[in-house]
PDB file of N, CA and C in Angstrom:
ATOM      1  N   MET A   1     -12.654   0.081   6.593  1.00  0.00           N
ATOM      2  CA  MET A   1     -12.570   1.149   7.650  1.00  0.00           C
ATOM      3  C   MET A   1     -11.581   1.062   8.525  1.00  0.00           C
ATOM      4  N   ALA A   2     -10.826  -0.725   8.600  1.00  0.00           N
ATOM      5  CA  ALA A   2     -10.364  -1.191   9.262  1.00  0.00           C
ATOM      6  C   ALA A   2      -8.723  -0.347   8.234  1.00  0.00           C
ATOM      7  N   PHE A   3      -8.529  -0.105   7.590  1.00  0.00           N
ATOM      8  CA  PHE A   3      -7.287   0.281   7.220  1.00  0.00           C
ATOM      9  C   PHE A   3      -7.426   1.367   7.375  1.00  0.00           C
ATOM     10  N   LYS A   4      -7.976   2.691   7.691  1.00  0.00           N
ATOM     11  CA  LYS A   4      -7.885   4.162   8.065  1.00  0.00           C
ATOM     12  C   LYS A   4      -7.007   3.783   9.260  1.00  0.00           C
ATOM     13  N   ASN A   5      -7.242   3.039  10.677  1.00  0.00           N
ATOM     14  CA  ASN A   5      -6.264   2.730  11.220  1.00  0.00           C
ATOM     15  C   ASN A   5      -4.735   2.276  11.342  1.00  0.00           C
ATOM     16  N   LEU A   6      -4.779   1.342  10.220  1.00  0.00           N
ATOM     17  CA  LEU A   6      -3.187   1.095   9.782  1.00  0.00           C
ATOM     18  C   LEU A   6      -2.848   1.478   9.252  1.00  0.00           C
ATOM     19  N   GLU A   7      -2.892   2.658   8.826  1.00  0.00           N
ATOM     20  CA  GLU A   7      -2.388   3.461   7.654  1.00  0.00           C
ATOM     21  C   GLU A   7      -1.993   4.550   8.706  1.00  0.00           C
ATOM     22  N   SER A   8      -3.448   5.166   9.811  1.00  0.00           N
ATOM     23  CA  SER A   8      -2.674   5.885  11.006  1.00  0.00           C
ATOM     24  C   SER A   8      -1.281   4.937  11.301  1.00  0.00           C
ATOM     25  N   ASN A   9      -1.576   4.304  11.520  1.00  0.00           N
ATOM     26  CA  ASN A   9      -0.177   3.961  12.811  1.00  0.00           C
ATOM     27  C   ASN A   9       0.798   3.362  11.821  1.00  0.00           C
ATOM     28  N   THR A  10       0.328   3.310  10.493  1.00  0.00           N
ATOM     29  CA  THR A  10       1.890   2.900   9.511  1.00  0.00           C
ATOM     30  C   THR A  10       2.518   3.967   9.645  1.00  0.00           C
ATOM     31  N   LYS A  11       2.067   5.861   9.716  1.00  0.00           N
ATOM     32  CA  LYS A  11       2.724   6.756   9.717  1.00  0.00           C
ATOM     33  C   LYS A  11       3.480   7.099  11.452  1.00  0.00           C
ATOM     34  N   LEU A  12       2.772   6.572  12.302  1.00  0.00           N
ATOM     35  CA  LEU A  12       3.507   6.695  13.707  1.00  0.00           C
ATOM     36  C   LEU A  12       4.502   6.102  13.965  1.00  0.00           C
ATOM     37  N   ILE A  13       4.488   4.634  13.161  1.00  0.00           N
ATOM     38  CA  ILE A  13       5.710   4.322  12.838  1.00  0.00           C
ATOM     39  C   ILE A  13       7.083   4.386  12.689  1.00  0.00           C
ATOM     40  N   ILE A  14       6.579   5.019  11.113  1.00  0.00           N
ATOM     41  CA  ILE A  14       7.826   6.062  10.275  1.00  0.00           C
ATOM     42  C   ILE A  14       8.658   6.778  11.441  1.00  0.00           C
ATOM     43  N   ILE A  15       7.469   7.601  11.837  1.00  0.00           N
ATOM     44  CA  ILE A  15       7.937   8.663  12.832  1.00  0.00           C
ATOM     45  C   ILE A  15       8.655   7.955  13.874  1.00  0.00           C
ATOM     46  N   GLY A  16       8.515   7.188  14.318  1.00  0.00           N
ATOM     47  CA  GLY A  16       8.943   6.476  15.655  1.00  0.00           C
ATOM     48  C   GLY A  16      10.465   5.856  15.371  1.00  0.00           C
ATOM     49  N   VAL A  17      10.865   5.848  13.867  1.00  0.00           N
ATOM     50  CA  VAL A  17      11.781   5.062  13.986  1.00  0.00           C
ATOM     51  C   VAL A  17      12.860   6.220  12.924  1.00  0.00           C
ATOM     52  N   ALA A  18      12.202   6.918  12.684  1.00  0.00           N
ATOM     53  CA  ALA A  18      12.754   8.247  11.799  1.00  0.00           C
ATOM     54  C   ALA A  18      13.383   8.760  13.147  1.00  0.00           C
ATOM     55  N   ALA A  19      12.466   8.992  14.332  1.00  0.00           N
ATOM     56  CA  ALA A  19      13.037   9.805  15.589  1.00  0.00           C
ATOM     57  C   ALA A  19      13.968   8.420  16.438  1.00  0.00           C
ATOM     58  N   VAL A  20      14.603   7.680  16.415  1.00  0.00           N
ATOM     59  CA  VAL A  20      15.297   6.507  16.688  1.00  0.00           C
ATOM     60  C   VAL A  20      16.832   6.888  15.712  1.00  0.00           C
ATOM     61  N   LEU A  21      16.327   6.901  14.367  1.00  0.00           N
ATOM     62  CA  LEU A  21      17.931   6.599  13.866  1.00  0.00           C
ATOM     63  C   LEU A  21      18.323   8.096  13.805  1.00  0.00           C
ATOM     64  N   GLY A  22      17.090   9.210  14.174  1.00  0.00           N
ATOM     65  CA  GLY A  22      17.811  10.500  14.445  1.00  0.00           C
ATOM     66  C   GLY A  22      18.728  10.891  15.615  1.00  0.00           C
ATOM     67  N   LEU A  23      17.698  10.087  17.049  1.00  0.00           N
ATOM     68  CA  LEU A  23      18.961   9.924  17.600  1.00  0.00           C
ATOM     69  C   LEU A  23      20.097   9.385  17.993  1.00  0.00           C
ATOM     70  N   VAL A  24      19.849   8.301  17.229  1.00  0.00           N
ATOM     71  CA  VAL A  24      21.290   7.206  16.935  1.00  0.00           C
ATOM     72  C   VAL A  24      23.146   7.829  16.956  1.00  0.00           C
ATOM     73  N   PHE A  25      22.170   8.973  15.552  1.00  0.00           N
ATOM     74  CA  PHE A  25      22.918   9.618  14.671  1.00  0.00           C
ATOM     75  C   PHE A  25      23.567  11.025  16.108  1.00  0.00           C
ATOM     76  N   ILE A  26      22.537  11.967  16.320  1.00  0.00           N
ATOM     77  CA  ILE A  26      23.372  12.405  17.356  1.00  0.00           C
ATOM     78  C   ILE A  26      24.172  11.824  17.991  1.00  0.00           C
ATOM     79  N   LEU A  27      23.769  11.008  18.904  1.00  0.00           N
ATOM     80  CA  LEU A  27      25.048  10.352  19.986  1.00  0.00           C
ATOM     81  C   LEU A  27      25.858   9.653  19.565  1.00  0.00           C
ATOM     82  N   GLN A  28      26.095   9.179  18.054  1.00  0.00           N
ATOM     83  CA  GLN A  28      27.567   9.090  17.148  1.00  0.00           C
ATOM     84  C   GLN A  28      28.371   9.777  17.309  1.00  0.00           C
ATOM     85  N   ASN A  29      27.544  10.807  17.140  1.00  0.00           N
ATOM     86  CA  ASN A  29      28.271  11.773  16.411  1.00  0.00           C
ATOM     87  C   ASN A  29      28.935  13.034  17.360  1.00  0.00           C
ATOM     88  N   PHE A  30      29.064  13.000  18.086  1.00  0.00           N
ATOM     89  CA  PHE A  30      29.445  14.110  19.722  1.00  0.00           C
ATOM     90  C   PHE A  30      31.132  15.001  19.167  1.00  0.00           C
ATOM     91  N   GLU A  31      31.933  13.965  18.724  1.00  0.00           N
ATOM     92  CA  GLU A  31      33.296  14.195  18.415  1.00  0.00           C
ATOM     93  C   GLU A  31      33.237  15.918  18.116  1.00  0.00           C
ATOM     94  N   GLN A  32      34.557  16.468  18.502  1.00  0.00           N
ATOM     95  CA  GLN A  32      34.453  17.801  17.917  1.00  0.00           C
ATOM     96  C   GLN A  32      35.345  17.537  16.407  1.00  0.00           C
ATOM     97  N   THR A  33      34.637  18.693  15.655  1.00  0.00           N
ATOM     98  CA  THR A  33      34.981  19.245  14.454  1.00  0.00           C
ATOM     99  C   THR A  33      35.328  20.111  13.803  1.00  0.00           C
ATOM    100  N   SER A  34      36.239  20.744  12.763  1.00  0.00           N
ATOM    101  CA  SER A  34      35.990  21.729  12.416  1.00  0.00           C
ATOM    102  C   SER A  34      36.015  22.387  10.849  1.00  0.00           C
ATOM    103  N   PHE A  35      35.161  22.779  10.612  1.00  0.00           N
ATOM    104  CA  PHE A  35      34.911  23.278   8.773  1.00  0.00           C
ATOM    105  C   PHE A  35      36.187  24.552   8.401  1.00  0.00           C
ATOM    106  N   GLN A  36      36.647  23.926   7.881  1.00  0.00           N
ATOM    107  CA  GLN A  36      37.846  25.136   6.609  1.00  0.00           C
ATOM    108  C   GLN A  36      37.450  25.463   5.832  1.00  0.00           C
ATOM    109  N   PHE A  37      37.436  26.735   5.175  1.00  0.00           N
ATOM    110  CA  PHE A  37      37.836  26.982   4.163  1.00  0.00           C
ATOM    111  C   PHE A  37      39.741  28.087   3.693  1.00  0.00           C
ATOM    112  N   LEU A  38      40.196  27.120   2.516  1.00  0.00           N
ATOM    113  CA  LEU A  38      41.045  27.529   2.318  1.00  0.00           C
ATOM    114  C   LEU A  38      42.505  27.234   3.936  1.00  0.00           C
ATOM    115  N   ILE A  39      42.253  27.953   4.176  1.00  0.00           N
ATOM    116  CA  ILE A  39      43.895  28.060   4.609  1.00  0.00           C
ATOM    117  C   ILE A  39      42.844  28.723   6.575  1.00  0.00           C
ATOM    118  N   TRP A  40      41.270  29.027   6.058  1.00  0.00           N
ATOM    119  CA  TRP A  40      40.596  29.601   7.607  1.00  0.00           C
ATOM    120  C   TRP A  40      39.846  28.996   8.426  1.00  0.00           C
ATOM    121  N   THR A  41      40.168  28.463   9.765  1.00  0.00           N
ATOM    122  CA  THR A  41      39.060  27.862  10.055  1.00  0.00           C
ATOM    123  C   THR A  41      37.741  28.594  10.387  1.00  0.00           C
ATOM    124  N   LEU A  42      36.353  28.599   9.759  1.00  0.00           N
ATOM    125  CA  LEU A  42      35.290  28.952  10.018  1.00  0.00           C
ATOM    126  C   LEU A  42      34.847  28.871  11.148  1.00  0.00           C
ATOM    127  N   PHE A  43      34.099  27.818  12.222  1.00  0.00           N
ATOM    128  CA  PHE A  43      33.980  27.771  13.045  1.00  0.00           C
ATOM    129  C   PHE A  43      34.282  26.008  13.680  1.00  0.00           C
ATOM    130  N   SER A  44      34.384  25.899  14.537  1.00  0.00           N
ATOM    131  CA  SER A  44      34.354  24.036  14.640  1.00  0.00           C
ATOM    132  C   SER A  44      33.053  24.180  15.872  1.00  0.00           C
ATOM    133  N   GLY A  45      32.793  22.271  16.106  1.00  0.00           N
ATOM    134  CA  GLY A  45      32.118  22.307  17.228  1.00  0.00           C
ATOM    135  C   GLY A  45      31.649  20.961  16.820  1.00  0.00           C
ATOM    136  N   PRO A  46      30.410  20.652  16.854  1.00  0.00           N
ATOM    137  CA  PRO A  46      30.492  19.075  17.746  1.00  0.00           C
ATOM    138  C   PRO A  46      30.028  18.242  15.837  1.00  0.00           C
ATOM    139  N   LYS A  47      30.481  17.280  15.497  1.00  0.00           N
ATOM    140  CA  LYS A  47      29.956  16.968  14.300  1.00  0.00           C
ATOM    141  C   LYS A  47      28.491  16.810  13.642  1.00  0.00           C
ATOM    142  N   TRP A  48      27.763  16.519  14.363  1.00  0.00           N
ATOM    143  CA  TRP A  48      26.366  16.483  14.208  1.00  0.00           C
ATOM    144  C   TRP A  48      25.892  17.845  13.936  1.00  0.00           C
ATOM    145  N   ILE A  49      26.047  18.458  14.751  1.00  0.00           N
ATOM    146  CA  ILE A  49      26.341  20.118  14.488  1.00  0.00           C
ATOM    147  C   ILE A  49      26.690  20.519  12.823  1.00  0.00           C
ATOM    148  N   VAL A  50      27.364  20.329  12.463  1.00  0.00           N
ATOM    149  CA  VAL A  50      27.850  21.381  11.249  1.00  0.00           C
ATOM    150  C   VAL A  50      27.369  20.078  10.269  1.00  0.00           C
ATOM    151  N   ILE A  51      27.381  18.578   9.844  1.00  0.00           N
ATOM    152  CA  ILE A  51      26.544  17.893   9.531  1.00  0.00           C
ATOM    153  C   ILE A  51      25.295  18.703   8.854  1.00  0.00           C
ATOM    154  N   SER A  52      23.943  18.267  10.597  1.00  0.00           N
ATOM    155  CA  SER A  52      22.526  19.308  10.197  1.00  0.00           C
ATOM    156  C   SER A  52      23.120  20.238   9.557  1.00  0.00           C
ATOM    157  N   PHE A  53      23.598  21.274   9.948  1.00  0.00           N
ATOM    158  CA  PHE A  53      23.992  23.041   9.109  1.00  0.00           C
ATOM    159  C   PHE A  53      24.028  22.202   8.100  1.00  0.00           C
ATOM    160  N   PHE A  54      25.332  21.689   7.124  1.00  0.00           N
ATOM    161  CA  PHE A  54      25.360  21.958   5.613  1.00  0.00           C
ATOM    162  C   PHE A  54      23.733  21.267   4.910  1.00  0.00           C
ATOM    163  N   PHE A  55      23.479  20.138   5.849  1.00  0.00           N
ATOM    164  CA  PHE A  55      22.036  19.452   5.284  1.00  0.00           C
ATOM    165  C   PHE A  55      21.088  20.642   5.191  1.00  0.00           C
ATOM    166  N   MET A  56      20.757  21.140   6.077  1.00  0.00           N
ATOM    167  CA  MET A  56      19.594  22.239   5.951  1.00  0.00           C
ATOM    168  C   MET A  56      19.794  23.632   5.058  1.00  0.00           C
ATOM    169  N   LEU A  57      21.538  23.429   5.292  1.00  0.00           N
ATOM    170  CA  LEU A  57      22.008  25.002   3.745  1.00  0.00           C
ATOM    171  C   LEU A  57      21.623  23.897   2.643  1.00  0.00           C
ATOM    172  N   GLY A  58      22.065  23.014   2.401  1.00  0.00           N
ATOM    173  CA  GLY A  58      21.337  22.384   0.745  1.00  0.00           C
ATOM    174  C   GLY A  58      20.095  22.157   0.438  1.00  0.00           C
ATOM    175  N   LEU A  59      19.242  21.803   2.165  1.00  0.00           N
ATOM    176  CA  LEU A  59      17.894  22.212   1.502  1.00  0.00           C
ATOM    177  C   LEU A  59      17.326  23.232   1.365  1.00  0.00           C
ATOM    178  N   ALA A  60      17.914  24.768   1.942  1.00  0.00           N
ATOM    179  CA  ALA A  60      17.125  25.771   1.553  1.00  0.00           C
ATOM    180  C   ALA A  60      18.007  26.103   0.275  1.00  0.00           C
ATOM    181  N   PHE A  61      19.083  26.041  -0.549  1.00  0.00           N
ATOM    182  CA  PHE A  61      19.568  26.609  -1.370  1.00  0.00           C
ATOM    183  C   PHE A  61      18.434  25.233  -2.772  1.00  0.00           C
ATOM    184  N   GLY A  62      18.142  24.168  -2.581  1.00  0.00           N
ATOM    185  CA  GLY A  62      17.819  23.312  -3.253  1.00  0.00           C
ATOM    186  C   GLY A  62      16.591  24.054  -3.668  1.00  0.00           C
ATOM    187  N   TYR A  63      15.533  24.075  -2.704  1.00  0.00           N
ATOM    188  CA  TYR A  63      14.188  25.152  -2.557  1.00  0.00           C
ATOM    189  C   TYR A  63      14.531  26.444  -3.423  1.00  0.00           C
ATOM    190  N   LEU A  64      15.164  26.732  -3.108  1.00  0.00           N
ATOM    191  CA  LEU A  64      15.525  28.372  -3.655  1.00  0.00           C
ATOM    192  C   LEU A  64      15.324  28.467  -5.485  1.00  0.00           C
ATOM    193  N   LEU A  65      16.575  27.761  -5.625  1.00  0.00           N
ATOM    194  CA  LEU A  65      16.590  27.273  -6.562  1.00  0.00           C
ATOM    195  C   LEU A  65      15.742  26.587  -7.665  1.00  0.00           C
ATOM    196  N   ALA A  66      14.816  25.656  -7.141  1.00  0.00           N
ATOM    197  CA  ALA A  66      13.825  25.002  -7.733  1.00  0.00           C
ATOM    198  C   ALA A  66      12.354  26.200  -7.794  1.00  0.00           C
ATOM    199  N   ARG A  67      12.298  26.537  -6.797  1.00  0.00           N
ATOM    200  CA  ARG A  67      11.262  28.009  -7.068  1.00  0.00           C
ATOM    201  C   ARG A  67      11.251  28.792  -7.652  1.00  0.00           C
ATOM    202  N   LYS A  68      13.003  29.176  -8.137  1.00  0.00           N
ATOM    203  CA  LYS A  68      12.847  30.160  -9.264  1.00  0.00           C
ATOM    204  C   LYS A  68      13.078  29.508 -10.371  1.00  0.00           C
ATOM    205  N   ARG A  69      13.415  28.345 -10.917  1.00  0.00           N
ATOM    206  CA  ARG A  69      12.823  27.976 -11.976  1.00  0.00           C
ATOM    207  C   ARG A  69      11.289  27.536 -12.390  1.00  0.00           C
ATOM    208  N   ALA A  70      10.491  27.194 -10.857  1.00  0.00           N
ATOM    209  CA  ALA A  70       9.026  27.204 -11.334  1.00  0.00           C
ATOM    210  C   ALA A  70       8.962  28.294 -12.168  1.00  0.00           C
TER     211      ALA A  70
END
């Protein structure tokens, strides 16, 4: 019975650590950056938004590719 509470606390600790690391990531990457393709600048913005956008784009592409193969 005590392990159920421990399991719940472990999940909360992991979520808390992930939230703190995410906040640190955002606070460290406020410098402006631009995304260029060949000679064109497609968009510019804070580095954390650009990185997060391409991370989400990669997740979506991977999900669609895995779904197609299944």
